[in-house]
Amino acid sequence: MPTRRTRTAPLLRCASTLALGLALALSISACKKKNEGPTCKPEDHAKFKVRVLVQPTNDINPDESGAPLPTLMRIYQLTSDEKVPLLDYREVWDKGKDVFGDTFVAETEHQVYPGKPDMVEIEPDPKANYVLAIALFREPTGSSWYRLWDVPKYHGDSVCLAERQKKTWADPCFYVSMERSTIDGGHTPPASFDKALAGVECPGPPLKMKPPAPEPEGKKKKKKKLKDLKKPEVPEQPAAPEAPAAPEAPSAPTAPEGPAAPEAPAAPGKG
């Protein structure tokens, strides 16, 4: 009766080869990912929204009798702030965006009501470097009817820095508070601003300078190891010489022995 051939051995060899190949592929993939460096790219987070958080008091923009009135807020996007210090309130009221000339980029209007916090979201134009908030009060006080806010230049870098620290970096906030006929605000909340009422999470102040690009993890370790190899060894301090031993005191001279006593003469014999 012919014997039945078994295929167990070839199957085991195939399974072993497949497992080895899979392990090798995973190992190569892991090494590749490890040496690729950070995966977060600042340019991927270049677009963001500016959240204008407005907190008006109950007495904003009072009329002749002292009753508060709704206030129109204009939000301008500008390429430059060169014309801002020269602004005239009546001229802005009458001409609007035309007073900014070629620095004007975009405009948004929003009605603010007494005692009602609100949020306005705007998407900054790539050409805009500043956001200007203007409150059209009936009777403005000095230059406190507008606030200038610079658009973060390195928002993407802030997002990636936070990601490497296992944190998050939210879209920026423009804090605005209104009290009677004045407006205040910026990247940090004014003293009268209640962050608990905002209802959103805001990041800290923006970066002023672009941070250096992080090095890949593998490159960091290699550089550190080479640095350690080049570090010269500190020579050992020579041992202090031993103090010379004190000379031994000379031994006392031996006293001379006395002369031996003479022997007594033998007695004469008897004859």
C-alpha atoms as a PDB file:
ATOM      1  CA  MET A   1       0.000   0.000   0.000  1.00  0.00           C
ATOM      2  CA  PRO A   2       1.589   3.314  -1.036  1.00  0.00           C
ATOM      3  CA  THR A   3       2.467   5.676   1.744  1.00  0.00           C
ATOM      4  CA  ARG A   4       0.627   9.026   1.963  1.00  0.00           C
ATOM      5  CA  ARG A   5       2.844  12.021   1.537  1.00  0.00           C
ATOM      6  CA  THR A   6       2.532  14.818   4.039  1.00  0.00           C
ATOM      7  CA  ARG A   7       2.830  18.545   3.261  1.00  0.00           C
ATOM      8  CA  THR A   8       3.420  19.689   6.823  1.00  0.00           C
ATOM      9  CA  ALA A   9       7.117  20.485   6.356  1.00  0.00           C
ATOM     10  CA  PRO A  10       6.693  22.704   3.243  1.00  0.00           C
ATOM     11  CA  LEU A  11       3.810  24.550   4.914  1.00  0.00           C
ATOM     12  CA  LEU A  12       5.898  25.199   8.006  1.00  0.00           C
ATOM     13  CA  ARG A  13       8.737  26.515   5.857  1.00  0.00           C
ATOM     14  CA  CYS A  14       6.364  28.860   4.010  1.00  0.00           C
ATOM     15  CA  ALA A  15       4.849  30.117   7.258  1.00  0.00           C
ATOM     16  CA  SER A  16       8.298  30.693   8.736  1.00  0.00           C
ATOM     17  CA  THR A  17       9.454  32.605   5.649  1.00  0.00           C
ATOM     18  CA  LEU A  18       6.292  34.724   5.644  1.00  0.00           C
ATOM     19  CA  ALA A  19       6.655  35.566   9.340  1.00  0.00           C
ATOM     20  CA  LEU A  20      10.312  36.496   8.855  1.00  0.00           C
ATOM     21  CA  GLY A  21       9.467  38.735   5.905  1.00  0.00           C
ATOM     22  CA  LEU A  22       6.679  40.450   7.816  1.00  0.00           C
ATOM     23  CA  ALA A  23       8.914  41.066  10.830  1.00  0.00           C
ATOM     24  CA  LEU A  24      11.618  42.515   8.566  1.00  0.00           C
ATOM     25  CA  ALA A  25       9.134  44.823   6.842  1.00  0.00           C
ATOM     26  CA  LEU A  26       7.803  46.080  10.170  1.00  0.00           C
ATOM     27  CA  SER A  27      11.329  46.646  11.436  1.00  0.00           C
ATOM     28  CA  ILE A  28      12.292  48.672   8.357  1.00  0.00           C
ATOM     29  CA  SER A  29       9.077  50.680   8.604  1.00  0.00           C
ATOM     30  CA  ALA A  30       9.696  51.433  12.292  1.00  0.00           C
ATOM     31  CA  CYS A  31      13.268  52.546  11.607  1.00  0.00           C
ATOM     32  CA  LYS A  32      12.136  54.733   8.748  1.00  0.00           C
ATOM     33  CA  LYS A  33       9.474  56.446  10.842  1.00  0.00           C
ATOM     34  CA  LYS A  34      11.907  56.942  13.694  1.00  0.00           C
ATOM     35  CA  ASN A  35      14.400  58.741  11.466  1.00  0.00           C
ATOM     36  CA  GLU A  36      11.860  60.808   9.560  1.00  0.00           C
ATOM     37  CA  GLY A  37      11.742  63.435  12.312  1.00  0.00           C
ATOM     38  CA  PRO A  38       8.674  65.483  13.349  1.00  0.00           C
ATOM     39  CA  THR A  39       5.564  64.885  11.254  1.00  0.00           C
ATOM     40  CA  CYS A  40       3.952  68.255  12.075  1.00  0.00           C
ATOM     41  CA  LYS A  41       4.639  70.863   9.382  1.00  0.00           C
ATOM     42  CA  PRO A  42       3.991  74.561  10.179  1.00  0.00           C
ATOM     43  CA  GLU A  43       2.837  75.258   6.618  1.00  0.00           C
ATOM     44  CA  ASP A  44      -0.013  72.771   7.102  1.00  0.00           C
ATOM     45  CA  HIS A  45      -1.397  75.004   9.879  1.00  0.00           C
ATOM     46  CA  ALA A  46      -0.857  78.377   8.197  1.00  0.00           C
ATOM     47  CA  LYS A  47      -4.606  78.978   7.833  1.00  0.00           C
ATOM     48  CA  PHE A  48      -6.608  79.793  10.945  1.00  0.00           C
ATOM     49  CA  LYS A  49      -9.510  81.899  12.174  1.00  0.00           C
ATOM     50  CA  VAL A  50      -9.298  84.930  14.428  1.00  0.00           C
ATOM     51  CA  ARG A  51     -11.894  84.882  17.181  1.00  0.00           C
ATOM     52  CA  VAL A  52     -12.836  88.409  18.201  1.00  0.00           C
ATOM     53  CA  LEU A  53     -14.247  88.073  21.722  1.00  0.00           C
ATOM     54  CA  VAL A  54     -16.332  91.107  22.667  1.00  0.00           C
ATOM     55  CA  GLN A  55     -17.461  91.883  26.223  1.00  0.00           C
ATOM     56  CA  PRO A  56     -19.480  95.103  26.554  1.00  0.00           C
ATOM     57  CA  THR A  57     -20.632  96.525  29.864  1.00  0.00           C
ATOM     58  CA  ASN A  58     -24.251  97.496  30.463  1.00  0.00           C
ATOM     59  CA  ASP A  59     -23.529 101.208  30.006  1.00  0.00           C
ATOM     60  CA  ILE A  60     -21.817 101.336  26.600  1.00  0.00           C
ATOM     61  CA  ASN A  61     -22.377 104.236  24.215  1.00  0.00           C
ATOM     62  CA  PRO A  62     -24.774 106.273  26.423  1.00  0.00           C
ATOM     63  CA  ASP A  63     -27.127 108.818  24.872  1.00  0.00           C
ATOM     64  CA  GLU A  64     -27.960 112.291  26.239  1.00  0.00           C
ATOM     65  CA  SER A  65     -30.011 110.776  29.043  1.00  0.00           C
ATOM     66  CA  GLY A  66     -27.344 108.172  29.928  1.00  0.00           C
ATOM     67  CA  ALA A  67     -29.220 105.210  28.448  1.00  0.00           C
ATOM     68  CA  PRO A  68     -26.939 102.661  26.731  1.00  0.00           C
ATOM     69  CA  LEU A  69     -27.172 102.108  22.988  1.00  0.00           C
ATOM     70  CA  PRO A  70     -26.076  99.337  20.605  1.00  0.00           C
ATOM     71  CA  THR A  71     -22.699 100.073  19.049  1.00  0.00           C
ATOM     72  CA  LEU A  72     -21.472  99.307  15.541  1.00  0.00           C
ATOM     73  CA  MET A  73     -18.029  97.697  15.505  1.00  0.00           C
ATOM     74  CA  ARG A  74     -16.008  97.654  12.296  1.00  0.00           C
ATOM     75  CA  ILE A  75     -13.191  95.165  11.879  1.00  0.00           C
ATOM     76  CA  TYR A  76     -10.588  96.036   9.248  1.00  0.00           C
ATOM     77  CA  GLN A  77      -7.811  93.838   7.884  1.00  0.00           C
ATOM     78  CA  LEU A  78      -4.737  95.853   6.900  1.00  0.00           C
ATOM     79  CA  THR A  79      -1.371  95.170   5.302  1.00  0.00           C
ATOM     80  CA  SER A  80       0.297  97.906   7.365  1.00  0.00           C
ATOM     81  CA  ASP A  81      -0.376  99.973  10.480  1.00  0.00           C
ATOM     82  CA  GLU A  82       1.217 103.139   9.077  1.00  0.00           C
ATOM     83  CA  LYS A  83      -2.078 105.025   8.763  1.00  0.00           C
ATOM     84  CA  VAL A  84      -3.508 104.008  12.144  1.00  0.00           C
ATOM     85  CA  PRO A  85      -1.808 106.704  14.292  1.00  0.00           C
ATOM     86  CA  LEU A  86      -3.136 109.361  11.880  1.00  0.00           C
ATOM     87  CA  LEU A  87      -6.765 108.235  12.021  1.00  0.00           C
ATOM     88  CA  ASP A  88      -9.457 110.832  12.583  1.00  0.00           C
ATOM     89  CA  TYR A  89     -12.671 109.521  14.115  1.00  0.00           C
ATOM     90  CA  ARG A  90     -15.059 111.652  12.040  1.00  0.00           C
ATOM     91  CA  GLU A  91     -13.187 110.775   8.857  1.00  0.00           C
ATOM     92  CA  VAL A  92     -13.421 107.045   9.631  1.00  0.00           C
ATOM     93  CA  TRP A  93     -17.133 107.451  10.409  1.00  0.00           C
ATOM     94  CA  ASP A  94     -17.774 109.162   7.062  1.00  0.00           C
ATOM     95  CA  LYS A  95     -15.339 107.465   4.650  1.00  0.00           C
ATOM     96  CA  GLY A  96     -14.842 104.033   6.194  1.00  0.00           C
ATOM     97  CA  LYS A  97     -12.309 101.815   4.403  1.00  0.00           C
ATOM     98  CA  ASP A  98     -11.222 104.601   2.028  1.00  0.00           C
ATOM     99  CA  VAL A  99      -9.144 106.254   4.761  1.00  0.00           C
ATOM    100  CA  PHE A 100      -6.726 103.290   4.726  1.00  0.00           C
ATOM    101  CA  GLY A 101      -5.790 103.603   1.064  1.00  0.00           C
ATOM    102  CA  ASP A 102      -3.737 100.733  -0.358  1.00  0.00           C
ATOM    103  CA  THR A 103      -3.257  99.204   3.123  1.00  0.00           C
ATOM    104  CA  PHE A 104      -6.905  98.093   3.195  1.00  0.00           C
ATOM    105  CA  VAL A 105      -7.603  94.367   2.672  1.00  0.00           C
ATOM    106  CA  ALA A 106     -11.049  93.468   4.076  1.00  0.00           C
ATOM    107  CA  GLU A 107     -13.859  94.785   6.302  1.00  0.00           C
ATOM    108  CA  THR A 108     -16.445  93.209   8.626  1.00  0.00           C
ATOM    109  CA  GLU A 109     -19.224  94.942  10.581  1.00  0.00           C
ATOM    110  CA  HIS A 110     -20.869  93.671  13.755  1.00  0.00           C
ATOM    111  CA  GLN A 111     -23.481  95.119  16.079  1.00  0.00           C
ATOM    112  CA  VAL A 112     -22.582  95.021  19.785  1.00  0.00           C
ATOM    113  CA  TYR A 113     -25.375  95.173  22.366  1.00  0.00           C
ATOM    114  CA  PRO A 114     -25.034  96.469  25.949  1.00  0.00           C
ATOM    115  CA  GLY A 115     -24.143  93.743  28.443  1.00  0.00           C
ATOM    116  CA  LYS A 116     -24.154  90.914  25.861  1.00  0.00           C
ATOM    117  CA  PRO A 117     -20.821  89.129  25.255  1.00  0.00           C
ATOM    118  CA  ASP A 118     -20.332  87.951  21.683  1.00  0.00           C
ATOM    119  CA  MET A 119     -17.801  86.354  19.354  1.00  0.00           C
ATOM    120  CA  VAL A 120     -16.996  87.254  15.756  1.00  0.00           C
ATOM    121  CA  GLU A 121     -14.916  84.842  13.676  1.00  0.00           C
ATOM    122  CA  ILE A 122     -12.898  86.160  10.751  1.00  0.00           C
ATOM    123  CA  GLU A 123     -10.477  84.367   8.470  1.00  0.00           C
ATOM    124  CA  PRO A 124      -7.454  86.613   7.933  1.00  0.00           C
ATOM    125  CA  ASP A 125      -6.436  87.255   4.356  1.00  0.00           C
ATOM    126  CA  PRO A 126      -2.873  86.061   3.550  1.00  0.00           C
ATOM    127  CA  LYS A 127      -1.966  89.698   2.787  1.00  0.00           C
ATOM    128  CA  ALA A 128      -3.259  91.019   6.129  1.00  0.00           C
ATOM    129  CA  ASN A 129      -0.743  91.732   8.890  1.00  0.00           C
ATOM    130  CA  TYR A 130      -3.063  93.646  11.231  1.00  0.00           C
ATOM    131  CA  VAL A 131      -6.658  93.554  12.435  1.00  0.00           C
ATOM    132  CA  LEU A 132      -8.162  96.863  13.553  1.00  0.00           C
ATOM    133  CA  ALA A 133     -11.327  96.972  15.688  1.00  0.00           C
ATOM    134  CA  ILE A 134     -13.182 100.307  15.695  1.00  0.00           C
ATOM    135  CA  ALA A 135     -16.192 101.124  17.899  1.00  0.00           C
ATOM    136  CA  LEU A 136     -18.435 103.864  16.490  1.00  0.00           C
ATOM    137  CA  PHE A 137     -19.426 105.549  19.748  1.00  0.00           C
ATOM    138  CA  ARG A 138     -21.608 108.651  19.843  1.00  0.00           C
ATOM    139  CA  GLU A 139     -19.026 110.488  21.908  1.00  0.00           C
ATOM    140  CA  PRO A 140     -15.593 108.793  21.622  1.00  0.00           C
ATOM    141  CA  THR A 141     -12.930 109.499  24.225  1.00  0.00           C
ATOM    142  CA  GLY A 142      -9.493 110.428  22.861  1.00  0.00           C
ATOM    143  CA  SER A 143      -7.993 107.554  20.849  1.00  0.00           C
ATOM    144  CA  SER A 144      -9.705 104.847  22.901  1.00  0.00           C
ATOM    145  CA  TRP A 145     -12.266 104.122  20.157  1.00  0.00           C
ATOM    146  CA  TYR A 146     -10.032 101.599  18.336  1.00  0.00           C
ATOM    147  CA  ARG A 147      -7.616  98.760  19.083  1.00  0.00           C
ATOM    148  CA  LEU A 148      -4.942  97.279  16.801  1.00  0.00           C
ATOM    149  CA  TRP A 149      -4.093  93.565  16.779  1.00  0.00           C
ATOM    150  CA  ASP A 150      -1.168  92.040  14.865  1.00  0.00           C
ATOM    151  CA  VAL A 151      -1.840  88.812  12.952  1.00  0.00           C
ATOM    152  CA  PRO A 152       0.373  85.938  14.243  1.00  0.00           C
ATOM    153  CA  LYS A 153       3.110  85.186  11.694  1.00  0.00           C
ATOM    154  CA  TYR A 154       4.176  81.859  13.156  1.00  0.00           C
ATOM    155  CA  HIS A 155       0.882  80.254  14.138  1.00  0.00           C
ATOM    156  CA  GLY A 156       1.853  76.977  12.416  1.00  0.00           C
ATOM    157  CA  ASP A 157       5.115  76.848  14.360  1.00  0.00           C
ATOM    158  CA  SER A 158       3.190  77.328  17.619  1.00  0.00           C
ATOM    159  CA  VAL A 159       0.888  74.433  16.697  1.00  0.00           C
ATOM    160  CA  CYS A 160       3.853  72.121  16.005  1.00  0.00           C
ATOM    161  CA  LEU A 161       5.706  73.167  19.170  1.00  0.00           C
ATOM    162  CA  ALA A 162       2.613  72.381  21.227  1.00  0.00           C
ATOM    163  CA  GLU A 163       2.174  69.034  19.460  1.00  0.00           C
ATOM    164  CA  ARG A 164       5.723  67.968  20.334  1.00  0.00           C
ATOM    165  CA  GLN A 165       4.885  68.743  23.967  1.00  0.00           C
ATOM    166  CA  LYS A 166       1.690  66.639  23.745  1.00  0.00           C
ATOM    167  CA  LYS A 167      -0.440  69.796  23.939  1.00  0.00           C
ATOM    168  CA  THR A 168      -2.741  71.753  21.632  1.00  0.00           C
ATOM    169  CA  TRP A 169      -2.599  75.316  20.302  1.00  0.00           C
ATOM    170  CA  ALA A 170      -5.986  76.831  19.515  1.00  0.00           C
ATOM    171  CA  ASP A 171      -6.829  79.533  16.982  1.00  0.00           C
ATOM    172  CA  PRO A 172      -5.838  82.999  18.250  1.00  0.00           C
ATOM    173  CA  CYS A 173      -8.176  85.337  20.119  1.00  0.00           C
ATOM    174  CA  PHE A 174      -8.592  89.099  19.866  1.00  0.00           C
ATOM    175  CA  TYR A 175      -9.879  90.184  23.292  1.00  0.00           C
ATOM    176  CA  VAL A 176     -12.114  93.272  23.165  1.00  0.00           C
ATOM    177  CA  SER A 177     -13.841  94.962  26.094  1.00  0.00           C
ATOM    178  CA  MET A 178     -16.130  97.987  25.845  1.00  0.00           C
ATOM    179  CA  GLU A 179     -17.018 100.314  28.698  1.00  0.00           C
ATOM    180  CA  ARG A 180     -19.140 103.425  28.155  1.00  0.00           C
ATOM    181  CA  SER A 181     -17.342 105.149  25.236  1.00  0.00           C
ATOM    182  CA  THR A 182     -14.008 103.336  25.329  1.00  0.00           C
ATOM    183  CA  ILE A 183     -12.635 100.120  23.850  1.00  0.00           C
ATOM    184  CA  ASP A 184      -9.658  98.082  25.041  1.00  0.00           C
ATOM    185  CA  GLY A 185      -8.061  94.765  24.089  1.00  0.00           C
ATOM    186  CA  GLY A 186      -5.355  92.818  22.291  1.00  0.00           C
ATOM    187  CA  HIS A 187      -3.693  89.392  22.436  1.00  0.00           C
ATOM    188  CA  THR A 188      -4.073  89.360  26.222  1.00  0.00           C
ATOM    189  CA  PRO A 189      -7.361  90.079  28.015  1.00  0.00           C
ATOM    190  CA  PRO A 190      -7.793  93.560  29.537  1.00  0.00           C
ATOM    191  CA  ALA A 191      -8.278  93.856  33.285  1.00  0.00           C
ATOM    192  CA  SER A 192     -12.051  94.159  32.893  1.00  0.00           C
ATOM    193  CA  PHE A 193     -12.337  91.076  30.638  1.00  0.00           C
ATOM    194  CA  ASP A 194     -13.805  87.930  32.216  1.00  0.00           C
ATOM    195  CA  LYS A 195     -12.307  84.883  30.470  1.00  0.00           C
ATOM    196  CA  ALA A 196     -14.877  82.603  32.090  1.00  0.00           C
ATOM    197  CA  LEU A 197     -17.599  84.303  30.035  1.00  0.00           C
ATOM    198  CA  ALA A 198     -15.770  83.799  26.744  1.00  0.00           C
ATOM    199  CA  GLY A 199     -16.646  80.105  26.529  1.00  0.00           C
ATOM    200  CA  VAL A 200     -13.677  79.247  24.296  1.00  0.00           C
ATOM    201  CA  GLU A 201     -10.075  78.204  24.838  1.00  0.00           C
ATOM    202  CA  CYS A 202      -7.526  80.784  23.724  1.00  0.00           C
ATOM    203  CA  PRO A 203      -3.769  80.316  23.255  1.00  0.00           C
ATOM    204  CA  GLY A 204      -1.073  82.501  24.741  1.00  0.00           C
ATOM    205  CA  PRO A 205       0.590  85.463  23.011  1.00  0.00           C
ATOM    206  CA  PRO A 206       2.003  84.680  19.534  1.00  0.00           C
ATOM    207  CA  LEU A 207       5.646  83.962  18.777  1.00  0.00           C
ATOM    208  CA  LYS A 208       7.710  87.011  17.823  1.00  0.00           C
ATOM    209  CA  MET A 209      10.428  85.001  16.055  1.00  0.00           C
ATOM    210  CA  LYS A 210      10.405  81.818  14.012  1.00  0.00           C
ATOM    211  CA  PRO A 211      11.812  78.940  16.125  1.00  0.00           C
ATOM    212  CA  PRO A 212      14.588  76.726  14.692  1.00  0.00           C
ATOM    213  CA  ALA A 213      13.485  73.539  12.980  1.00  0.00           C
ATOM    214  CA  PRO A 214      13.784  70.469  15.256  1.00  0.00           C
ATOM    215  CA  GLU A 215      16.353  67.824  14.358  1.00  0.00           C
ATOM    216  CA  PRO A 216      15.318  64.228  13.669  1.00  0.00           C
ATOM    217  CA  GLU A 217      15.503  62.003  16.741  1.00  0.00           C
ATOM    218  CA  GLY A 218      18.183  59.735  15.251  1.00  0.00           C
ATOM    219  CA  LYS A 219      20.381  62.685  14.322  1.00  0.00           C
ATOM    220  CA  LYS A 220      20.130  64.104  17.840  1.00  0.00           C
ATOM    221  CA  LYS A 221      21.401  60.903  19.438  1.00  0.00           C
ATOM    222  CA  LYS A 222      24.237  60.534  16.913  1.00  0.00           C
ATOM    223  CA  LYS A 223      25.394  64.082  17.467  1.00  0.00           C
ATOM    224  CA  LYS A 224      25.345  63.634  21.213  1.00  0.00           C
ATOM    225  CA  LYS A 225      27.390  60.430  20.987  1.00  0.00           C
ATOM    226  CA  LEU A 226      30.043  62.056  18.756  1.00  0.00           C
ATOM    227  CA  LYS A 227      30.270  64.948  21.156  1.00  0.00           C
ATOM    228  CA  ASP A 228      30.899  62.576  24.026  1.00  0.00           C
ATOM    229  CA  LEU A 229      33.664  60.803  22.061  1.00  0.00           C
ATOM    230  CA  LYS A 230      35.503  64.049  21.359  1.00  0.00           C
ATOM    231  CA  LYS A 231      35.403  65.158  24.952  1.00  0.00           C
ATOM    232  CA  PRO A 232      38.987  65.006  26.321  1.00  0.00           C
ATOM    233  CA  GLU A 233      39.600  63.086  29.455  1.00  0.00           C
ATOM    234  CA  VAL A 234      40.633  65.071  32.488  1.00  0.00           C
ATOM    235  CA  PRO A 235      44.116  63.971  33.629  1.00  0.00           C
ATOM    236  CA  GLU A 236      44.322  62.570  37.101  1.00  0.00           C
ATOM    237  CA  GLN A 237      45.882  64.759  39.723  1.00  0.00           C
ATOM    238  CA  PRO A 238      49.395  63.524  40.751  1.00  0.00           C
ATOM    239  CA  ALA A 239      49.578  62.047  44.203  1.00  0.00           C
ATOM    240  CA  ALA A 240      51.161  64.249  46.847  1.00  0.00           C
ATOM    241  CA  PRO A 241      54.760  63.172  47.689  1.00  0.00           C
ATOM    242  CA  GLU A 242      55.120  61.340  50.949  1.00  0.00           C
ATOM    243  CA  ALA A 243      56.898  63.185  53.771  1.00  0.00           C
ATOM    244  CA  PRO A 244      60.444  61.862  54.440  1.00  0.00           C
ATOM    245  CA  ALA A 245      60.695  59.545  57.413  1.00  0.00           C
ATOM    246  CA  ALA A 246      62.392  60.970  60.507  1.00  0.00           C
ATOM    247  CA  PRO A 247      65.992  59.623  60.954  1.00  0.00           C
ATOM    248  CA  GLU A 248      66.410  57.005  63.668  1.00  0.00           C
ATOM    249  CA  ALA A 249      68.210  58.106  66.817  1.00  0.00           C
ATOM    250  CA  PRO A 250      71.789  56.648  67.086  1.00  0.00           C
ATOM    251  CA  SER A 251      72.049  53.693  69.445  1.00  0.00           C
ATOM    252  CA  ALA A 252      73.962  54.201  72.707  1.00  0.00           C
ATOM    253  CA  PRO A 253      77.580  52.771  72.682  1.00  0.00           C
ATOM    254  CA  THR A 254      78.044  49.431  74.411  1.00  0.00           C
ATOM    255  CA  ALA A 255      79.961  49.676  77.713  1.00  0.00           C
ATOM    256  CA  PRO A 256      83.399  47.866  77.580  1.00  0.00           C
ATOM    257  CA  GLU A 257      83.568  44.614  79.458  1.00  0.00           C
ATOM    258  CA  GLY A 258      85.759  44.612  82.618  1.00  0.00           C
ATOM    259  CA  PRO A 259      89.029  42.500  82.708  1.00  0.00           C
ATOM    260  CA  ALA A 260      88.551  38.936  83.702  1.00  0.00           C
ATOM    261  CA  ALA A 261      89.628  38.054  87.268  1.00  0.00           C
ATOM    262  CA  PRO A 262      93.008  36.119  87.397  1.00  0.00           C
ATOM    263  CA  GLU A 263      92.740  32.465  88.173  1.00  0.00           C
ATOM    264  CA  ALA A 264      94.032  31.381  91.608  1.00  0.00           C
ATOM    265  CA  PRO A 265      97.374  29.393  91.489  1.00  0.00           C
ATOM    266  CA  ALA A 266      97.081  25.730  92.014  1.00  0.00           C
ATOM    267  CA  ALA A 267      98.024  24.456  95.501  1.00  0.00           C
ATOM    268  CA  PRO A 268     101.483  22.703  95.708  1.00  0.00           C
ATOM    269  CA  GLY A 269     101.364  18.955  95.823  1.00  0.00           C
ATOM    270  CA  LYS A 270     102.387  16.965  98.889  1.00  0.00           C
ATOM    271  CA  GLY A 271     105.603  14.972  98.520  1.00  0.00           C
END
